[in-house]
Amino acid sequence: MEEKQIWLGMLVMAATLYMVRALPLTLLKKEIRSTFIRSFLYYVPYVSLSVMTFPAILSATGSLVSAAAGFAAAVVLAWVDGNLFRVSLGACGAVFVTELVMEFLV
């Protein structure tokens, strides 16, 4: 890839990020009173993070089976406990055990 294309891409990304953050500040002077819009804007960061993270979860391990096992363990542990450190340890442990079992079976 040419150096000009890299700089152009970085410029476009910077402009996009600036517009996404600056336009709401300049266009919306009053407080948003609509409960629907407020709740929608409240959940946008969580949805964005989930959309970016989920594909990485499925491709982070050696197989889709161990990735699904780690994801399932993380969901269950997050639902039951909510402690981020224990959830990540449990998910890593589930992936590790699943990979060991799969290696043993094959």
Protein backbone atom coordinates (compact mmCIF):
# COMPACT_ATOMS: atom_id res chain seq x y z
CA MET A 1 0.00 0.00 0.00
CA GLU A 2 1.33 3.42 -0.87
CA GLU A 3 2.20 5.92 1.80
CA LYS A 4 -0.27 8.44 0.30
CA GLN A 5 -3.11 5.96 0.68
CA ILE A 6 -2.22 5.32 4.32
CA TRP A 7 -2.21 9.04 5.12
CA LEU A 8 -5.46 9.56 3.20
CA GLY A 9 -7.08 6.73 5.16
CA MET A 10 -5.90 8.19 8.44
CA LEU A 11 -7.23 11.62 7.43
CA VAL A 12 -10.63 10.19 6.52
CA MET A 13 -10.80 8.27 9.81
CA ALA A 14 -9.83 11.37 11.81
CA ALA A 15 -12.43 13.50 10.03
CA THR A 16 -15.12 10.89 10.56
CA LEU A 17 -14.30 10.56 14.24
CA TYR A 18 -14.27 14.34 14.66
CA MET A 19 -17.65 14.73 12.92
CA VAL A 20 -19.24 11.98 15.00
CA ARG A 21 -18.10 13.67 18.21
CA ALA A 22 -18.34 17.36 17.27
CA LEU A 23 -21.61 17.51 15.33
CA PRO A 24 -23.86 16.46 18.23
CA LEU A 25 -22.25 19.11 20.43
CA THR A 26 -22.83 21.85 17.87
CA LEU A 27 -26.27 20.81 16.59
CA LEU A 28 -27.99 19.78 19.81
CA LYS A 29 -28.19 22.73 22.17
CA LYS A 30 -31.20 21.60 24.21
CA GLU A 31 -31.51 18.58 26.46
CA ILE A 32 -32.99 15.51 24.78
CA ARG A 33 -36.37 14.84 26.39
CA SER A 34 -37.54 11.88 24.33
CA THR A 35 -37.22 8.72 26.42
CA PHE A 36 -36.88 6.60 23.28
CA ILE A 37 -33.92 8.60 21.94
CA ARG A 38 -32.30 8.80 25.38
CA SER A 39 -32.53 5.03 25.87
CA PHE A 40 -31.29 4.46 22.32
CA LEU A 41 -28.25 6.67 22.91
CA TYR A 42 -27.62 5.01 26.26
CA TYR A 43 -27.20 1.56 24.68
CA VAL A 44 -25.19 2.60 21.58
CA PRO A 45 -21.74 2.17 23.23
CA TYR A 46 -22.61 -1.33 24.48
CA VAL A 47 -23.93 -2.44 21.11
CA SER A 48 -20.92 -0.98 19.28
CA LEU A 49 -18.51 -2.78 21.60
CA SER A 50 -20.41 -6.05 21.19
CA VAL A 51 -20.44 -5.79 17.41
CA MET A 52 -16.69 -5.21 17.33
CA THR A 53 -15.87 -7.89 19.91
CA PHE A 54 -18.03 -10.83 18.81
CA PRO A 55 -16.23 -11.60 15.51
CA ALA A 56 -12.89 -11.46 17.35
CA ILE A 57 -14.19 -13.98 19.89
CA LEU A 58 -15.04 -16.48 17.18
CA SER A 59 -11.66 -16.21 15.49
CA ALA A 60 -9.39 -15.92 18.55
CA THR A 61 -8.93 -19.63 19.21
CA GLY A 62 -7.85 -22.66 17.22
CA SER A 63 -11.40 -23.75 16.47
CA LEU A 64 -14.95 -22.51 16.44
CA VAL A 65 -15.94 -25.11 19.04
CA SER A 66 -13.52 -23.85 21.67
CA ALA A 67 -14.44 -20.24 20.86
CA ALA A 68 -18.12 -21.05 21.35
CA ALA A 69 -17.33 -22.83 24.64
CA GLY A 70 -15.40 -19.80 25.89
CA PHE A 71 -18.16 -17.45 24.81
CA ALA A 72 -20.82 -19.57 26.50
CA ALA A 73 -18.78 -19.75 29.69
CA ALA A 74 -18.27 -15.98 29.65
CA VAL A 75 -21.97 -15.31 29.16
CA VAL A 76 -22.96 -17.65 32.00
CA LEU A 77 -20.31 -16.31 34.38
CA ALA A 78 -21.18 -12.71 33.55
CA TRP A 79 -24.84 -13.43 34.17
CA VAL A 80 -24.18 -15.17 37.50
CA ASP A 81 -21.24 -13.20 38.90
CA GLY A 82 -20.47 -10.10 36.84
CA ASN A 83 -16.87 -9.81 38.00
CA LEU A 84 -14.82 -9.09 34.89
CA PHE A 85 -11.69 -10.82 36.15
CA ARG A 86 -13.52 -14.05 37.05
CA VAL A 87 -15.45 -13.97 33.77
CA SER A 88 -12.25 -13.67 31.72
CA LEU A 89 -10.52 -16.40 33.75
CA GLY A 90 -13.50 -18.70 33.34
CA ALA A 91 -13.71 -18.08 29.60
CA CYS A 92 -9.97 -18.71 29.17
CA GLY A 93 -10.27 -21.86 31.28
CA ALA A 94 -13.19 -23.11 29.20
CA VAL A 95 -11.24 -22.55 25.99
CA PHE A 96 -8.17 -24.27 27.44
CA VAL A 97 -10.13 -27.33 28.62
CA THR A 98 -12.06 -27.55 25.34
CA GLU A 99 -8.83 -27.40 23.33
CA LEU A 100 -7.30 -30.15 25.52
CA VAL A 101 -10.35 -32.38 25.13
CA MET A 102 -10.47 -31.81 21.38
CA GLU A 103 -6.75 -32.60 21.07
CA PHE A 104 -7.23 -35.76 23.08
CA LEU A 105 -10.18 -36.90 20.96
CA VAL A 106 -8.50 -36.28 17.62
